[in-house]
Amino acid sequence: MISVELSKRFRRIVRDARREAEVSVTLKLVVEGFGNPHAHTGLSIRKLGKHFYECRTGLDWRLLFEAQKGRLVFDFAGDHDEVQNYLRGKR
């Protein structure tokens, strides 16, 4: 079973955006479907780098996470532009 870790930054962003309900649903779906490539498309999971992935809670909001052995670490959430800015800082 894959565990989920939410960074303080991630929790703050989700709380400030008041998107707790939709993020909770998406996290559950990601945990259930991660590692199953056929489910990735339906869950809007997309690989961004060696260990970085994104998934969408809707058309306008994305959750970024890193896949580590046995766990998914969610560190950032935001719209397209916010995600791009975050990723520029990671490279």
N, C-alpha and C. Protein backbone atom coordinates (compact mmCIF):
# COMPACT_ATOMS: atom_id res chain seq x y z
N MET A 1 0.85 -1.19 0.00
CA MET A 1 0.00 0.00 0.00
C MET A 1 0.89 1.24 0.00
N ILE A 2 0.51 2.22 -0.76
CA ILE A 2 1.24 3.47 -0.86
C ILE A 2 0.71 4.43 0.20
N SER A 3 1.63 5.08 0.91
CA SER A 3 1.21 6.08 1.87
C SER A 3 1.32 7.47 1.24
N VAL A 4 0.66 8.42 1.84
CA VAL A 4 0.64 9.79 1.35
C VAL A 4 1.18 10.71 2.43
N GLU A 5 2.06 11.61 2.02
CA GLU A 5 2.60 12.61 2.92
C GLU A 5 2.27 13.98 2.32
N LEU A 6 1.74 14.87 3.15
CA LEU A 6 1.39 16.22 2.71
C LEU A 6 2.32 17.21 3.40
N SER A 7 3.04 17.99 2.60
CA SER A 7 3.95 18.97 3.20
C SER A 7 3.14 20.10 3.84
N LYS A 8 3.80 20.86 4.71
CA LYS A 8 3.13 22.01 5.34
C LYS A 8 2.71 23.01 4.27
N ARG A 9 3.56 23.23 3.28
CA ARG A 9 3.23 24.14 2.19
C ARG A 9 1.97 23.69 1.46
N PHE A 10 1.90 22.39 1.14
CA PHE A 10 0.74 21.85 0.43
C PHE A 10 -0.54 22.06 1.24
N ARG A 11 -0.49 21.71 2.51
CA ARG A 11 -1.67 21.86 3.37
C ARG A 11 -2.12 23.31 3.46
N ARG A 12 -1.17 24.23 3.56
CA ARG A 12 -1.49 25.66 3.64
C ARG A 12 -2.14 26.16 2.35
N ILE A 13 -1.57 25.75 1.21
CA ILE A 13 -2.11 26.18 -0.08
C ILE A 13 -3.55 25.69 -0.25
N VAL A 14 -3.78 24.42 0.06
CA VAL A 14 -5.12 23.84 -0.08
C VAL A 14 -6.10 24.52 0.87
N ARG A 15 -5.69 24.74 2.10
CA ARG A 15 -6.56 25.40 3.08
C ARG A 15 -6.89 26.83 2.64
N ASP A 16 -5.88 27.57 2.22
CA ASP A 16 -6.09 28.96 1.81
C ASP A 16 -6.99 29.07 0.58
N ALA A 17 -6.92 28.07 -0.30
CA ALA A 17 -7.75 28.07 -1.50
C ALA A 17 -9.14 27.49 -1.24
N ARG A 18 -9.34 26.96 -0.04
CA ARG A 18 -10.62 26.33 0.34
C ARG A 18 -11.02 25.20 -0.63
N ARG A 19 -10.06 24.33 -0.87
CA ARG A 19 -10.29 23.22 -1.80
C ARG A 19 -10.09 21.86 -1.12
N GLU A 20 -10.27 21.82 0.18
CA GLU A 20 -10.02 20.59 0.93
C GLU A 20 -10.84 19.41 0.44
N ALA A 21 -12.10 19.62 0.14
CA ALA A 21 -12.98 18.52 -0.26
C ALA A 21 -12.54 17.91 -1.59
N GLU A 22 -12.31 18.75 -2.59
CA GLU A 22 -11.93 18.20 -3.90
C GLU A 22 -10.53 17.57 -3.86
N VAL A 23 -9.63 18.14 -3.07
CA VAL A 23 -8.29 17.57 -2.96
C VAL A 23 -8.35 16.23 -2.25
N SER A 24 -9.16 16.11 -1.24
CA SER A 24 -9.31 14.84 -0.52
C SER A 24 -9.77 13.73 -1.45
N VAL A 25 -10.76 14.02 -2.27
CA VAL A 25 -11.27 13.03 -3.24
C VAL A 25 -10.17 12.64 -4.22
N THR A 26 -9.45 13.64 -4.73
CA THR A 26 -8.40 13.37 -5.71
C THR A 26 -7.27 12.55 -5.09
N LEU A 27 -6.89 12.86 -3.86
CA LEU A 27 -5.82 12.10 -3.20
C LEU A 27 -6.20 10.63 -3.07
N LYS A 28 -7.43 10.38 -2.71
CA LYS A 28 -7.88 8.99 -2.57
C LYS A 28 -7.80 8.26 -3.91
N LEU A 29 -8.22 8.91 -4.98
CA LEU A 29 -8.17 8.30 -6.31
C LEU A 29 -6.73 8.05 -6.77
N VAL A 30 -5.85 8.99 -6.47
CA VAL A 30 -4.45 8.84 -6.86
C VAL A 30 -3.82 7.66 -6.13
N VAL A 31 -4.06 7.56 -4.84
CA VAL A 31 -3.50 6.45 -4.06
C VAL A 31 -4.00 5.12 -4.60
N GLU A 32 -5.26 5.04 -4.94
CA GLU A 32 -5.83 3.80 -5.45
C GLU A 32 -5.31 3.45 -6.85
N GLY A 33 -5.02 4.47 -7.67
CA GLY A 33 -4.66 4.20 -9.06
C GLY A 33 -3.20 4.36 -9.41
N PHE A 34 -2.38 4.91 -8.52
CA PHE A 34 -0.97 5.14 -8.86
C PHE A 34 -0.26 3.81 -9.06
N GLY A 35 0.54 3.75 -10.10
CA GLY A 35 1.25 2.51 -10.43
C GLY A 35 0.50 1.67 -11.44
N ASN A 36 -0.71 2.06 -11.76
CA ASN A 36 -1.51 1.40 -12.78
C ASN A 36 -1.60 2.34 -13.98
N PRO A 37 -0.72 2.19 -14.97
CA PRO A 37 -0.64 3.15 -16.07
C PRO A 37 -1.96 3.39 -16.81
N HIS A 38 -2.81 2.39 -16.88
CA HIS A 38 -4.09 2.58 -17.56
C HIS A 38 -5.01 3.51 -16.78
N ALA A 39 -4.87 3.55 -15.48
CA ALA A 39 -5.69 4.43 -14.65
C ALA A 39 -5.14 5.85 -14.63
N HIS A 40 -3.84 6.01 -14.92
CA HIS A 40 -3.23 7.33 -14.86
C HIS A 40 -3.93 8.33 -15.77
N THR A 41 -4.30 7.92 -16.96
CA THR A 41 -4.96 8.83 -17.89
C THR A 41 -6.29 9.29 -17.34
N GLY A 42 -7.07 8.41 -16.81
CA GLY A 42 -8.37 8.77 -16.25
C GLY A 42 -8.26 9.65 -15.02
N LEU A 43 -7.15 9.53 -14.31
CA LEU A 43 -6.94 10.34 -13.11
C LEU A 43 -6.17 11.62 -13.43
N SER A 44 -5.81 11.80 -14.68
CA SER A 44 -5.02 12.95 -15.12
C SER A 44 -3.67 13.02 -14.42
N ILE A 45 -3.07 11.85 -14.21
CA ILE A 45 -1.72 11.80 -13.66
C ILE A 45 -0.75 11.90 -14.83
N ARG A 46 0.19 12.83 -14.69
CA ARG A 46 1.16 13.05 -15.76
C ARG A 46 2.56 13.15 -15.15
N LYS A 47 3.50 12.45 -15.76
CA LYS A 47 4.87 12.47 -15.29
C LYS A 47 5.53 13.76 -15.77
N LEU A 48 6.19 14.47 -14.85
CA LEU A 48 6.84 15.74 -15.19
C LEU A 48 8.36 15.63 -15.18
N GLY A 49 8.87 14.65 -14.51
CA GLY A 49 10.31 14.47 -14.39
C GLY A 49 10.59 13.08 -13.88
N LYS A 50 11.82 12.87 -13.47
CA LYS A 50 12.21 11.52 -13.04
C LYS A 50 11.30 10.97 -11.94
N HIS A 51 11.00 11.80 -10.94
CA HIS A 51 10.14 11.34 -9.84
C HIS A 51 8.94 12.26 -9.61
N PHE A 52 8.82 13.32 -10.39
CA PHE A 52 7.75 14.30 -10.19
C PHE A 52 6.55 14.01 -11.09
N TYR A 53 5.37 14.17 -10.48
CA TYR A 53 4.12 13.95 -11.20
C TYR A 53 3.15 15.08 -10.86
N GLU A 54 2.14 15.20 -11.70
CA GLU A 54 1.04 16.11 -11.38
C GLU A 54 -0.26 15.36 -11.61
N CYS A 55 -1.28 15.77 -10.90
CA CYS A 55 -2.63 15.29 -11.15
C CYS A 55 -3.54 16.51 -11.04
N ARG A 56 -4.71 16.40 -11.61
CA ARG A 56 -5.63 17.53 -11.63
C ARG A 56 -6.84 17.24 -10.76
N THR A 57 -7.27 18.28 -10.06
CA THR A 57 -8.52 18.16 -9.31
C THR A 57 -9.68 18.64 -10.16
N GLY A 58 -9.37 19.35 -11.20
CA GLY A 58 -10.34 19.90 -12.14
C GLY A 58 -9.57 20.49 -13.30
N LEU A 59 -10.22 21.28 -14.11
CA LEU A 59 -9.53 21.85 -15.26
C LEU A 59 -8.50 22.91 -14.89
N ASP A 60 -8.70 23.56 -13.76
CA ASP A 60 -7.86 24.71 -13.44
C ASP A 60 -6.89 24.53 -12.27
N TRP A 61 -6.85 23.36 -11.65
CA TRP A 61 -6.01 23.21 -10.46
C TRP A 61 -5.25 21.90 -10.50
N ARG A 62 -3.98 21.94 -10.14
CA ARG A 62 -3.11 20.77 -10.21
C ARG A 62 -2.42 20.53 -8.87
N LEU A 63 -2.15 19.28 -8.61
CA LEU A 63 -1.43 18.87 -7.41
C LEU A 63 -0.11 18.26 -7.86
N LEU A 64 1.00 18.73 -7.31
CA LEU A 64 2.31 18.19 -7.65
C LEU A 64 2.79 17.28 -6.54
N PHE A 65 3.37 16.16 -6.94
CA PHE A 65 3.87 15.23 -5.94
C PHE A 65 5.10 14.50 -6.45
N GLU A 66 5.86 13.99 -5.50
CA GLU A 66 7.04 13.21 -5.80
C GLU A 66 6.79 11.77 -5.38
N ALA A 67 7.10 10.85 -6.27
CA ALA A 67 6.95 9.43 -5.96
C ALA A 67 8.24 8.93 -5.34
N GLN A 68 8.15 8.49 -4.12
CA GLN A 68 9.28 7.90 -3.43
C GLN A 68 8.91 6.47 -3.11
N LYS A 69 9.86 5.70 -2.70
CA LYS A 69 9.60 4.28 -2.44
C LYS A 69 8.51 4.12 -1.38
N GLY A 70 7.37 3.61 -1.80
CA GLY A 70 6.28 3.32 -0.88
C GLY A 70 5.43 4.51 -0.46
N ARG A 71 5.74 5.72 -0.99
CA ARG A 71 4.93 6.87 -0.59
C ARG A 71 4.91 7.94 -1.68
N LEU A 72 3.88 8.74 -1.62
CA LEU A 72 3.71 9.89 -2.50
C LEU A 72 3.76 11.13 -1.63
N VAL A 73 4.64 12.05 -1.96
CA VAL A 73 4.83 13.27 -1.18
C VAL A 73 4.27 14.45 -1.97
N PHE A 74 3.15 14.98 -1.50
CA PHE A 74 2.51 16.12 -2.16
C PHE A 74 3.09 17.39 -1.57
N ASP A 75 3.62 18.27 -2.45
CA ASP A 75 4.32 19.46 -1.97
C ASP A 75 3.76 20.78 -2.49
N PHE A 76 2.99 20.75 -3.56
CA PHE A 76 2.52 22.02 -4.13
C PHE A 76 1.20 21.81 -4.85
N ALA A 77 0.40 22.87 -4.90
CA ALA A 77 -0.86 22.86 -5.64
C ALA A 77 -1.08 24.25 -6.22
N GLY A 78 -1.68 24.31 -7.38
CA GLY A 78 -1.96 25.61 -7.97
C GLY A 78 -2.42 25.50 -9.40
N ASP A 79 -2.59 26.66 -10.04
CA ASP A 79 -3.00 26.67 -11.44
C ASP A 79 -1.76 26.48 -12.33
N HIS A 80 -1.95 26.51 -13.63
CA HIS A 80 -0.87 26.22 -14.58
C HIS A 80 0.34 27.12 -14.35
N ASP A 81 0.12 28.42 -14.25
CA ASP A 81 1.23 29.37 -14.09
C ASP A 81 1.97 29.17 -12.77
N GLU A 82 1.24 28.94 -11.71
CA GLU A 82 1.85 28.71 -10.40
C GLU A 82 2.71 27.45 -10.40
N VAL A 83 2.21 26.41 -11.06
CA VAL A 83 2.94 25.16 -11.17
C VAL A 83 4.24 25.37 -11.96
N GLN A 84 4.15 26.10 -13.06
CA GLN A 84 5.34 26.36 -13.87
C GLN A 84 6.40 27.12 -13.06
N ASN A 85 5.98 28.11 -12.30
CA ASN A 85 6.92 28.85 -11.46
C ASN A 85 7.56 27.96 -10.41
N TYR A 86 6.77 27.10 -9.79
CA TYR A 86 7.28 26.17 -8.79
C TYR A 86 8.33 25.24 -9.41
N LEU A 87 8.01 24.70 -10.59
CA LEU A 87 8.93 23.75 -11.24
C LEU A 87 10.23 24.42 -11.67
N ARG A 88 10.18 25.67 -12.08
CA ARG A 88 11.41 26.40 -12.43
C ARG A 88 12.36 26.46 -11.24
N GLY A 89 11.80 26.60 -10.07
CA GLY A 89 12.63 26.64 -8.86
C GLY A 89 13.21 25.29 -8.49
N LYS A 90 12.60 24.21 -8.96
CA LYS A 90 13.06 22.84 -8.63
C LYS A 90 14.16 22.37 -9.56
N ARG A 91 14.32 22.99 -10.71
CA ARG A 91 15.29 22.51 -11.71
C ARG A 91 16.64 23.10 -11.50
